[in-house]
Amino acid sequence: MAPRAYPALALLVLGAFVRGDRLKERLHGDGLFDTKSVVSESDRVAEFSRRYESWPPPALTTHELPSYTSAMARREAEIMQIQDSQERWDAWMFMAQARLMRNFTVPQWEVIDAPKDIHAELLANLRTGMRSRPRRERDGDRNAHSGVHGPNEPDFVDQEHLNYKVLDALNPLHEKWAGV
């Protein structure tokens, strides 16, 4: 997704919060994105070049610390060595997201304690979910892929309703951190 598309996605997400039923207006999951349309690589490169001229776009690096820009350049070089196309794509997606997210603090991230009641509820839900057979990544969808590789398929504890409660509880902390 092009960097300029993120504000539109953010507005879509905020609209879901305003309208009410978040499960009907999914914030995440494959149902949010059109995975059937295909843009050719040459068209994608041409559009990116038209919009941004180069990678990384200069607008991204103006807010980065020089050490972060160097670290991202090293990571990009590592990614370019990945031979498996899916692994390479996944790594690029993670790196692009890291570059697109503006850093609000010198270390980029601050570590704080989550509200104790939310932490306790998350932990209780995880323990309950693990005792009652968690969902396997590919249950019902053999093509599902979280990016986790290896011989052991990841377990998932479904908790979408709880996720929204956590988002609501953490939102003021994020707003304070971001200065909004």
N, C-alpha and C. Protein backbone atom coordinates (compact mmCIF):
# COMPACT_ATOMS: atom_id res chain seq x y z
N MET A 1 0.86 -1.17 0.00
CA MET A 1 0.00 0.00 0.00
C MET A 1 0.89 1.23 0.00
N ALA A 2 0.61 2.17 -0.85
CA ALA A 2 1.41 3.37 -0.95
C ALA A 2 1.28 4.19 0.32
N PRO A 3 2.36 4.89 0.73
CA PRO A 3 2.31 5.66 1.96
C PRO A 3 1.16 6.65 2.02
N ARG A 4 0.79 7.26 0.91
CA ARG A 4 -0.30 8.23 0.93
C ARG A 4 -1.66 7.57 1.14
N ALA A 5 -1.73 6.27 0.98
CA ALA A 5 -2.99 5.56 1.21
C ALA A 5 -3.26 5.38 2.70
N TYR A 6 -2.24 5.49 3.53
CA TYR A 6 -2.43 5.27 4.96
C TYR A 6 -3.41 6.26 5.59
N PRO A 7 -3.39 7.57 5.25
CA PRO A 7 -4.41 8.45 5.84
C PRO A 7 -5.83 7.99 5.50
N ALA A 8 -6.04 7.52 4.28
CA ALA A 8 -7.38 7.04 3.91
C ALA A 8 -7.76 5.82 4.74
N LEU A 9 -6.80 4.91 4.95
CA LEU A 9 -7.05 3.74 5.77
C LEU A 9 -7.33 4.16 7.20
N ALA A 10 -6.57 5.14 7.70
CA ALA A 10 -6.79 5.63 9.06
C ALA A 10 -8.19 6.21 9.21
N LEU A 11 -8.65 6.94 8.20
CA LEU A 11 -10.01 7.49 8.26
C LEU A 11 -11.05 6.38 8.24
N LEU A 12 -10.80 5.34 7.46
CA LEU A 12 -11.70 4.19 7.43
C LEU A 12 -11.79 3.56 8.82
N VAL A 13 -10.64 3.39 9.46
CA VAL A 13 -10.60 2.79 10.79
C VAL A 13 -11.31 3.68 11.80
N LEU A 14 -11.04 5.00 11.76
CA LEU A 14 -11.69 5.91 12.68
C LEU A 14 -13.20 5.91 12.45
N GLY A 15 -13.62 5.82 11.20
CA GLY A 15 -15.05 5.77 10.89
C GLY A 15 -15.70 4.56 11.53
N ALA A 16 -15.00 3.44 11.59
CA ALA A 16 -15.55 2.24 12.21
C ALA A 16 -15.77 2.48 13.70
N PHE A 17 -14.88 3.23 14.34
CA PHE A 17 -15.05 3.51 15.76
C PHE A 17 -16.28 4.39 15.99
N VAL A 18 -16.49 5.35 15.11
CA VAL A 18 -17.59 6.29 15.28
C VAL A 18 -18.94 5.62 15.05
N ARG A 19 -19.01 4.71 14.07
CA ARG A 19 -20.28 4.11 13.70
C ARG A 19 -20.78 3.06 14.68
N GLY A 20 -19.92 2.51 15.50
CA GLY A 20 -20.43 1.58 16.49
C GLY A 20 -19.93 0.17 16.38
N ASP A 21 -20.67 -0.72 15.74
CA ASP A 21 -20.36 -2.14 15.75
C ASP A 21 -19.07 -2.43 15.00
N ARG A 22 -18.02 -2.64 15.74
CA ARG A 22 -16.70 -2.81 15.15
C ARG A 22 -16.54 -4.15 14.44
N LEU A 23 -17.29 -5.14 14.84
CA LEU A 23 -17.16 -6.42 14.16
C LEU A 23 -17.74 -6.36 12.75
N LYS A 24 -18.70 -5.46 12.53
CA LYS A 24 -19.25 -5.29 11.19
C LYS A 24 -18.32 -4.44 10.33
N GLU A 25 -17.55 -3.58 10.94
CA GLU A 25 -16.61 -2.70 10.25
C GLU A 25 -15.20 -3.09 10.69
N ARG A 26 -14.75 -4.24 10.24
CA ARG A 26 -13.49 -4.83 10.70
C ARG A 26 -12.34 -3.85 10.62
N LEU A 27 -11.54 -3.84 11.66
CA LEU A 27 -10.34 -3.01 11.69
C LEU A 27 -9.14 -3.76 11.12
N HIS A 28 -9.22 -5.05 11.11
CA HIS A 28 -8.08 -5.85 10.68
C HIS A 28 -8.60 -7.12 10.05
N GLY A 29 -7.69 -7.88 9.51
CA GLY A 29 -8.06 -9.15 8.92
C GLY A 29 -8.13 -9.05 7.41
N ASP A 30 -8.06 -10.19 6.79
CA ASP A 30 -7.99 -10.25 5.33
C ASP A 30 -9.22 -9.68 4.65
N GLY A 31 -10.36 -9.64 5.33
CA GLY A 31 -11.57 -9.14 4.72
C GLY A 31 -11.53 -7.65 4.41
N LEU A 32 -10.58 -6.91 4.98
CA LEU A 32 -10.50 -5.48 4.78
C LEU A 32 -9.87 -5.13 3.43
N PHE A 33 -8.99 -5.98 2.93
CA PHE A 33 -8.23 -5.66 1.74
C PHE A 33 -8.65 -6.51 0.55
N ASP A 34 -8.61 -5.91 -0.62
CA ASP A 34 -8.92 -6.60 -1.87
C ASP A 34 -7.68 -7.38 -2.27
N THR A 35 -7.76 -8.69 -2.19
CA THR A 35 -6.61 -9.53 -2.55
C THR A 35 -6.75 -10.12 -3.94
N LYS A 36 -7.79 -9.74 -4.65
CA LYS A 36 -8.03 -10.31 -5.98
C LYS A 36 -7.47 -9.43 -7.10
N SER A 37 -7.48 -8.11 -6.92
CA SER A 37 -6.97 -7.21 -7.95
C SER A 37 -5.46 -7.30 -8.01
N VAL A 38 -4.93 -7.23 -9.20
CA VAL A 38 -3.49 -7.34 -9.37
C VAL A 38 -3.00 -6.16 -10.19
N VAL A 39 -1.98 -5.50 -9.70
CA VAL A 39 -1.31 -4.44 -10.44
C VAL A 39 0.01 -5.01 -10.90
N SER A 40 0.34 -4.80 -12.16
CA SER A 40 1.61 -5.33 -12.65
C SER A 40 2.77 -4.64 -11.95
N GLU A 41 3.87 -5.32 -11.85
CA GLU A 41 5.05 -4.75 -11.19
C GLU A 41 5.52 -3.50 -11.91
N SER A 42 5.49 -3.49 -13.23
CA SER A 42 5.95 -2.31 -13.97
C SER A 42 5.03 -1.11 -13.69
N ASP A 43 3.69 -1.35 -13.59
CA ASP A 43 2.77 -0.26 -13.26
C ASP A 43 2.99 0.22 -11.83
N ARG A 44 3.22 -0.72 -10.92
CA ARG A 44 3.46 -0.34 -9.52
C ARG A 44 4.71 0.51 -9.40
N VAL A 45 5.80 0.10 -10.05
CA VAL A 45 7.06 0.85 -9.99
C VAL A 45 6.89 2.22 -10.61
N ALA A 46 6.19 2.29 -11.74
CA ALA A 46 5.98 3.58 -12.40
C ALA A 46 5.18 4.53 -11.50
N GLU A 47 4.13 4.02 -10.86
CA GLU A 47 3.32 4.86 -9.97
C GLU A 47 4.12 5.30 -8.75
N PHE A 48 4.89 4.39 -8.18
CA PHE A 48 5.72 4.76 -7.03
C PHE A 48 6.72 5.84 -7.44
N SER A 49 7.37 5.66 -8.57
CA SER A 49 8.35 6.65 -9.04
C SER A 49 7.69 8.00 -9.29
N ARG A 50 6.49 7.99 -9.84
CA ARG A 50 5.78 9.24 -10.09
C ARG A 50 5.49 9.97 -8.78
N ARG A 51 5.09 9.20 -7.76
CA ARG A 51 4.72 9.82 -6.49
C ARG A 51 5.91 10.21 -5.62
N TYR A 52 6.93 9.36 -5.58
CA TYR A 52 7.97 9.53 -4.56
C TYR A 52 9.38 9.67 -5.11
N GLU A 53 9.60 9.35 -6.36
CA GLU A 53 10.89 9.47 -7.04
C GLU A 53 11.93 8.45 -6.60
N SER A 54 12.03 8.15 -5.31
CA SER A 54 13.07 7.22 -4.85
C SER A 54 12.62 6.51 -3.59
N TRP A 55 13.36 5.45 -3.27
CA TRP A 55 13.16 4.76 -1.99
C TRP A 55 14.43 4.90 -1.16
N PRO A 56 14.30 5.21 0.09
CA PRO A 56 13.07 5.65 0.75
C PRO A 56 12.72 7.08 0.34
N PRO A 57 11.45 7.41 0.31
CA PRO A 57 11.08 8.78 -0.03
C PRO A 57 11.71 9.76 0.96
N PRO A 58 12.26 10.85 0.46
CA PRO A 58 12.92 11.83 1.35
C PRO A 58 12.02 12.30 2.49
N ALA A 59 10.72 12.36 2.26
CA ALA A 59 9.81 12.79 3.33
C ALA A 59 9.87 11.85 4.53
N LEU A 60 10.23 10.59 4.31
CA LEU A 60 10.33 9.64 5.42
C LEU A 60 11.60 9.87 6.23
N THR A 61 12.68 10.13 5.55
CA THR A 61 13.98 10.19 6.25
C THR A 61 14.22 11.52 6.94
N THR A 62 13.44 12.55 6.64
CA THR A 62 13.69 13.85 7.29
C THR A 62 13.40 13.80 8.79
N HIS A 63 12.56 12.88 9.22
CA HIS A 63 12.22 12.78 10.65
C HIS A 63 13.01 11.70 11.37
N GLU A 64 13.86 10.98 10.65
CA GLU A 64 14.60 9.88 11.26
C GLU A 64 15.93 10.37 11.84
N LEU A 65 16.33 9.72 12.91
CA LEU A 65 17.69 9.94 13.41
C LEU A 65 18.66 9.30 12.41
N PRO A 66 19.84 9.87 12.23
CA PRO A 66 20.80 9.27 11.29
C PRO A 66 21.09 7.79 11.61
N SER A 67 21.13 7.45 12.89
CA SER A 67 21.40 6.06 13.26
C SER A 67 20.27 5.14 12.80
N TYR A 68 19.03 5.63 12.84
CA TYR A 68 17.89 4.84 12.41
C TYR A 68 17.92 4.67 10.89
N THR A 69 18.24 5.74 10.17
CA THR A 69 18.35 5.67 8.72
C THR A 69 19.42 4.65 8.32
N SER A 70 20.54 4.66 9.03
CA SER A 70 21.62 3.68 8.75
C SER A 70 21.16 2.26 9.05
N ALA A 71 20.47 2.09 10.17
CA ALA A 71 19.99 0.76 10.54
C ALA A 71 19.00 0.24 9.49
N MET A 72 18.14 1.11 8.99
CA MET A 72 17.17 0.70 7.96
C MET A 72 17.89 0.35 6.65
N ALA A 73 18.96 1.07 6.33
CA ALA A 73 19.72 0.75 5.11
C ALA A 73 20.37 -0.63 5.25
N ARG A 74 20.89 -0.93 6.44
CA ARG A 74 21.48 -2.26 6.67
C ARG A 74 20.40 -3.33 6.58
N ARG A 75 19.23 -3.07 7.15
CA ARG A 75 18.14 -4.04 7.10
C ARG A 75 17.68 -4.25 5.66
N GLU A 76 17.59 -3.18 4.88
CA GLU A 76 17.21 -3.31 3.47
C GLU A 76 18.19 -4.19 2.72
N ALA A 77 19.48 -4.02 2.98
CA ALA A 77 20.49 -4.86 2.32
C ALA A 77 20.31 -6.33 2.70
N GLU A 78 19.99 -6.58 3.97
CA GLU A 78 19.73 -7.96 4.41
C GLU A 78 18.51 -8.54 3.69
N ILE A 79 17.47 -7.74 3.58
CA ILE A 79 16.25 -8.20 2.92
C ILE A 79 16.51 -8.54 1.47
N MET A 80 17.32 -7.76 0.82
CA MET A 80 17.60 -7.99 -0.60
C MET A 80 18.34 -9.31 -0.82
N GLN A 81 18.90 -9.89 0.22
CA GLN A 81 19.60 -11.18 0.11
C GLN A 81 18.65 -12.37 0.27
N ILE A 82 17.42 -12.13 0.71
CA ILE A 82 16.46 -13.21 0.91
C ILE A 82 16.04 -13.75 -0.45
N GLN A 83 16.13 -15.05 -0.62
CA GLN A 83 15.83 -15.69 -1.90
C GLN A 83 14.35 -16.06 -2.05
N ASP A 84 13.71 -16.52 -0.98
CA ASP A 84 12.31 -16.92 -1.04
C ASP A 84 11.45 -15.68 -1.25
N SER A 85 10.63 -15.69 -2.30
CA SER A 85 9.86 -14.49 -2.65
C SER A 85 8.85 -14.11 -1.57
N GLN A 86 8.19 -15.09 -0.93
CA GLN A 86 7.22 -14.75 0.12
C GLN A 86 7.92 -14.18 1.35
N GLU A 87 9.03 -14.78 1.74
CA GLU A 87 9.77 -14.26 2.89
C GLU A 87 10.30 -12.86 2.61
N ARG A 88 10.76 -12.64 1.39
CA ARG A 88 11.28 -11.33 1.01
C ARG A 88 10.15 -10.30 1.04
N TRP A 89 9.00 -10.66 0.49
CA TRP A 89 7.84 -9.76 0.50
C TRP A 89 7.44 -9.42 1.94
N ASP A 90 7.34 -10.44 2.79
CA ASP A 90 6.97 -10.20 4.19
C ASP A 90 7.96 -9.27 4.87
N ALA A 91 9.25 -9.51 4.64
CA ALA A 91 10.27 -8.66 5.25
C ALA A 91 10.17 -7.22 4.76
N TRP A 92 9.91 -7.03 3.46
CA TRP A 92 9.72 -5.68 2.92
C TRP A 92 8.51 -5.02 3.54
N MET A 93 7.43 -5.76 3.71
CA MET A 93 6.23 -5.18 4.32
C MET A 93 6.50 -4.70 5.74
N PHE A 94 7.21 -5.53 6.51
CA PHE A 94 7.54 -5.13 7.88
C PHE A 94 8.45 -3.92 7.89
N MET A 95 9.44 -3.89 7.00
CA MET A 95 10.37 -2.77 6.97
C MET A 95 9.65 -1.49 6.51
N ALA A 96 8.82 -1.59 5.49
CA ALA A 96 8.09 -0.41 5.00
C ALA A 96 7.21 0.15 6.11
N GLN A 97 6.55 -0.72 6.86
CA GLN A 97 5.72 -0.24 7.96
C GLN A 97 6.56 0.46 9.01
N ALA A 98 7.75 -0.07 9.29
CA ALA A 98 8.63 0.57 10.27
C ALA A 98 9.06 1.95 9.77
N ARG A 99 9.32 2.08 8.48
CA ARG A 99 9.74 3.37 7.92
C ARG A 99 8.58 4.36 7.90
N LEU A 100 7.36 3.88 7.65
CA LEU A 100 6.22 4.78 7.52
C LEU A 100 5.71 5.30 8.86
N MET A 101 5.98 4.56 9.92
CA MET A 101 5.52 4.98 11.24
C MET A 101 6.51 6.00 11.79
N ARG A 102 6.04 7.22 11.94
CA ARG A 102 6.91 8.28 12.44
C ARG A 102 7.31 8.00 13.88
N ASN A 103 8.55 8.27 14.19
CA ASN A 103 9.07 8.07 15.55
C ASN A 103 8.82 9.33 16.37
N PHE A 104 8.18 9.18 17.51
CA PHE A 104 7.84 10.32 18.35
C PHE A 104 8.84 10.54 19.47
N THR A 105 9.70 9.57 19.70
CA THR A 105 10.67 9.69 20.77
C THR A 105 12.04 9.31 20.24
N VAL A 106 13.09 9.70 20.94
CA VAL A 106 14.45 9.40 20.49
C VAL A 106 14.66 7.90 20.32
N PRO A 107 14.25 7.06 21.28
CA PRO A 107 14.44 5.62 21.05
C PRO A 107 13.36 5.01 20.17
N GLN A 108 12.52 5.82 19.57
CA GLN A 108 11.41 5.42 18.72
C GLN A 108 10.23 4.84 19.51
N TRP A 109 10.49 4.10 20.55
CA TRP A 109 9.43 3.49 21.33
C TRP A 109 9.71 3.70 22.80
N GLU A 110 8.68 3.86 23.57
CA GLU A 110 8.78 3.94 25.03
C GLU A 110 8.14 2.68 25.60
N VAL A 111 8.66 2.20 26.70
CA VAL A 111 8.08 1.05 27.38
C VAL A 111 7.42 1.54 28.65
N ILE A 112 6.13 1.28 28.77
CA ILE A 112 5.39 1.66 29.96
C ILE A 112 4.55 0.47 30.40
N ASP A 113 4.04 0.53 31.60
CA ASP A 113 3.17 -0.54 32.09
C ASP A 113 1.76 -0.36 31.54
N ALA A 114 1.19 -1.45 31.10
CA ALA A 114 -0.21 -1.43 30.67
C ALA A 114 -1.08 -1.36 31.92
N PRO A 115 -2.30 -0.87 31.78
CA PRO A 115 -3.21 -0.88 32.93
C PRO A 115 -3.35 -2.30 33.48
N LYS A 116 -3.23 -2.44 34.79
CA LYS A 116 -3.21 -3.76 35.42
C LYS A 116 -4.47 -4.58 35.11
N ASP A 117 -5.63 -3.92 35.09
CA ASP A 117 -6.87 -4.67 34.84
C ASP A 117 -6.90 -5.22 33.41
N ILE A 118 -6.41 -4.46 32.45
CA ILE A 118 -6.38 -4.93 31.06
C ILE A 118 -5.37 -6.06 30.92
N HIS A 119 -4.21 -5.91 31.53
CA HIS A 119 -3.20 -6.98 31.48
C HIS A 119 -3.75 -8.27 32.07
N ALA A 120 -4.42 -8.14 33.21
CA ALA A 120 -4.99 -9.32 33.87
C ALA A 120 -6.05 -9.99 32.98
N GLU A 121 -6.88 -9.19 32.33
CA GLU A 121 -7.92 -9.76 31.46
C GLU A 121 -7.31 -10.46 30.24
N LEU A 122 -6.29 -9.85 29.66
CA LEU A 122 -5.61 -10.48 28.53
C LEU A 122 -4.96 -11.79 28.94
N LEU A 123 -4.29 -11.79 30.07
CA LEU A 123 -3.62 -13.00 30.55
C LEU A 123 -4.63 -14.10 30.85
N ALA A 124 -5.73 -13.74 31.50
CA ALA A 124 -6.76 -14.74 31.80
C ALA A 124 -7.35 -15.32 30.51
N ASN A 125 -7.59 -14.47 29.53
CA ASN A 125 -8.14 -14.95 28.25
C ASN A 125 -7.14 -15.86 27.54
N LEU A 126 -5.87 -15.52 27.57
CA LEU A 126 -4.85 -16.37 26.96
C LEU A 126 -4.80 -17.73 27.63
N ARG A 127 -4.78 -17.74 28.94
CA ARG A 127 -4.72 -19.01 29.67
C ARG A 127 -5.95 -19.87 29.41
N THR A 128 -7.12 -19.24 29.41
CA THR A 128 -8.36 -19.98 29.12
C THR A 128 -8.31 -20.53 27.69
N GLY A 129 -7.90 -19.69 26.75
CA GLY A 129 -7.84 -20.11 25.35
C GLY A 129 -6.85 -21.23 25.12
N MET A 130 -5.73 -21.21 25.81
CA MET A 130 -4.72 -22.26 25.63
C MET A 130 -5.19 -23.58 26.24
N ARG A 131 -6.00 -23.51 27.30
CA ARG A 131 -6.52 -24.74 27.91
C ARG A 131 -7.61 -25.37 27.06
N SER A 132 -8.34 -24.56 26.30
CA SER A 132 -9.49 -25.08 25.56
C SER A 132 -9.21 -25.21 24.06
N ARG A 133 -8.06 -25.68 23.73
CA ARG A 133 -7.61 -25.90 22.35
C ARG A 133 -7.66 -24.63 21.52
N PRO A 134 -6.53 -23.94 21.43
CA PRO A 134 -6.48 -22.74 20.59
C PRO A 134 -6.66 -23.10 19.13
N ARG A 135 -7.08 -22.11 18.36
CA ARG A 135 -7.26 -22.30 16.92
C ARG A 135 -5.89 -22.37 16.25
N ARG A 136 -5.73 -23.33 15.35
CA ARG A 136 -4.51 -23.42 14.55
C ARG A 136 -4.59 -22.39 13.43
N GLU A 137 -3.44 -21.92 13.01
CA GLU A 137 -3.40 -20.86 12.00
C GLU A 137 -4.21 -21.21 10.76
N ARG A 138 -4.13 -22.43 10.32
CA ARG A 138 -4.77 -22.80 9.05
C ARG A 138 -6.10 -23.52 9.23
N ASP A 139 -6.65 -23.54 10.44
CA ASP A 139 -7.97 -24.14 10.64
C ASP A 139 -8.98 -23.44 9.73
N GLY A 140 -9.58 -24.20 8.83
CA GLY A 140 -10.60 -23.64 7.95
C GLY A 140 -10.07 -22.88 6.76
N ASP A 141 -8.75 -22.62 6.72
CA ASP A 141 -8.18 -21.89 5.59
C ASP A 141 -6.74 -22.34 5.39
N ARG A 142 -6.55 -23.27 4.48
CA ARG A 142 -5.21 -23.83 4.25
C ARG A 142 -4.23 -22.80 3.70
N ASN A 143 -4.72 -21.65 3.20
CA ASN A 143 -3.85 -20.64 2.64
C ASN A 143 -3.50 -19.54 3.64
N ALA A 144 -4.02 -19.61 4.86
CA ALA A 144 -3.73 -18.58 5.86
C ALA A 144 -2.23 -18.53 6.11
N HIS A 145 -1.73 -17.33 6.37
CA HIS A 145 -0.29 -17.19 6.59
C HIS A 145 -0.03 -15.96 7.46
N SER A 146 0.50 -16.17 8.63
CA SER A 146 0.79 -15.07 9.54
C SER A 146 2.21 -14.56 9.41
N GLY A 147 3.05 -15.24 8.68
CA GLY A 147 4.45 -14.85 8.58
C GLY A 147 5.34 -15.65 9.50
N VAL A 148 4.73 -16.53 10.31
CA VAL A 148 5.50 -17.38 11.21
C VAL A 148 5.90 -18.64 10.45
N HIS A 149 7.18 -18.93 10.43
CA HIS A 149 7.68 -20.08 9.69
C HIS A 149 8.19 -21.15 10.65
N GLY A 150 8.23 -22.37 10.19
CA GLY A 150 8.80 -23.44 11.00
C GLY A 150 7.90 -24.65 11.01
N PRO A 151 8.35 -25.70 11.68
CA PRO A 151 7.60 -26.96 11.66
C PRO A 151 6.33 -26.92 12.53
N ASN A 152 6.27 -26.02 13.48
CA ASN A 152 5.11 -25.94 14.38
C ASN A 152 4.18 -24.84 13.93
N GLU A 153 2.95 -25.21 13.59
CA GLU A 153 1.97 -24.22 13.17
C GLU A 153 1.54 -23.38 14.37
N PRO A 154 1.46 -22.05 14.22
CA PRO A 154 1.11 -21.18 15.34
C PRO A 154 -0.30 -21.44 15.87
N ASP A 155 -0.47 -21.24 17.16
CA ASP A 155 -1.78 -21.30 17.80
C ASP A 155 -2.32 -19.88 17.91
N PHE A 156 -3.64 -19.74 17.80
CA PHE A 156 -4.29 -18.45 17.94
C PHE A 156 -5.43 -18.57 18.95
N VAL A 157 -5.52 -17.59 19.83
CA VAL A 157 -6.63 -17.49 20.76
C VAL A 157 -7.50 -16.36 20.25
N ASP A 158 -8.68 -16.68 19.79
CA ASP A 158 -9.58 -15.66 19.26
C ASP A 158 -10.09 -14.78 20.39
N GLN A 159 -10.01 -13.47 20.17
CA GLN A 159 -10.42 -12.54 21.22
C GLN A 159 -10.75 -11.17 20.64
N GLU A 160 -11.43 -11.18 19.52
CA GLU A 160 -11.67 -9.91 18.83
C GLU A 160 -12.40 -8.89 19.71
N HIS A 161 -13.42 -9.32 20.44
CA HIS A 161 -14.13 -8.37 21.32
C HIS A 161 -13.17 -7.79 22.36
N LEU A 162 -12.33 -8.63 22.93
CA LEU A 162 -11.37 -8.16 23.92
C LEU A 162 -10.35 -7.20 23.29
N ASN A 163 -9.99 -7.44 22.05
CA ASN A 163 -9.05 -6.54 21.37
C ASN A 163 -9.57 -5.11 21.34
N TYR A 164 -10.86 -4.95 21.10
CA TYR A 164 -11.43 -3.61 21.07
C TYR A 164 -11.42 -2.96 22.46
N LYS A 165 -11.67 -3.75 23.47
CA LYS A 165 -11.61 -3.23 24.85
C LYS A 165 -10.18 -2.77 25.16
N VAL A 166 -9.19 -3.55 24.73
CA VAL A 166 -7.79 -3.18 24.94
C VAL A 166 -7.46 -1.90 24.17
N LEU A 167 -7.91 -1.80 22.92
CA LEU A 167 -7.66 -0.59 22.14
C LEU A 167 -8.23 0.64 22.85
N ASP A 168 -9.44 0.53 23.37
CA ASP A 168 -10.05 1.65 24.07
C ASP A 168 -9.27 2.02 25.32
N ALA A 169 -8.79 1.02 26.05
CA ALA A 169 -8.05 1.29 27.28
C ALA A 169 -6.67 1.90 27.01
N LEU A 170 -6.04 1.47 25.92
CA LEU A 170 -4.69 1.95 25.62
C LEU A 170 -4.68 3.25 24.83
N ASN A 171 -5.79 3.59 24.21
CA ASN A 171 -5.83 4.78 23.37
C ASN A 171 -5.34 6.05 24.08
N PRO A 172 -5.79 6.34 25.31
CA PRO A 172 -5.30 7.55 25.98
C PRO A 172 -3.77 7.53 26.19
N LEU A 173 -3.21 6.35 26.43
CA LEU A 173 -1.76 6.25 26.61
C LEU A 173 -1.04 6.57 25.30
N HIS A 174 -1.58 6.08 24.19
CA HIS A 174 -0.97 6.37 22.89
C HIS A 174 -1.11 7.85 22.53
N GLU A 175 -2.26 8.43 22.84
CA GLU A 175 -2.45 9.84 22.55
C GLU A 175 -1.47 10.69 23.35
N LYS A 176 -1.27 10.35 24.60
CA LYS A 176 -0.32 11.09 25.42
C LYS A 176 1.11 10.96 24.86
N TRP A 177 1.47 9.74 24.49
CA TRP A 177 2.80 9.49 23.92
C TRP A 177 3.02 10.29 22.64
N ALA A 178 1.97 10.35 21.79
CA ALA A 178 2.09 11.03 20.50
C ALA A 178 1.87 12.54 20.62
N GLY A 179 1.44 12.99 21.80
CA GLY A 179 1.24 14.42 21.98
C GLY A 179 -0.02 14.96 21.32
N VAL A 180 -1.06 14.13 21.23
CA VAL A 180 -2.31 14.60 20.61
C VAL A 180 -3.44 14.58 21.64
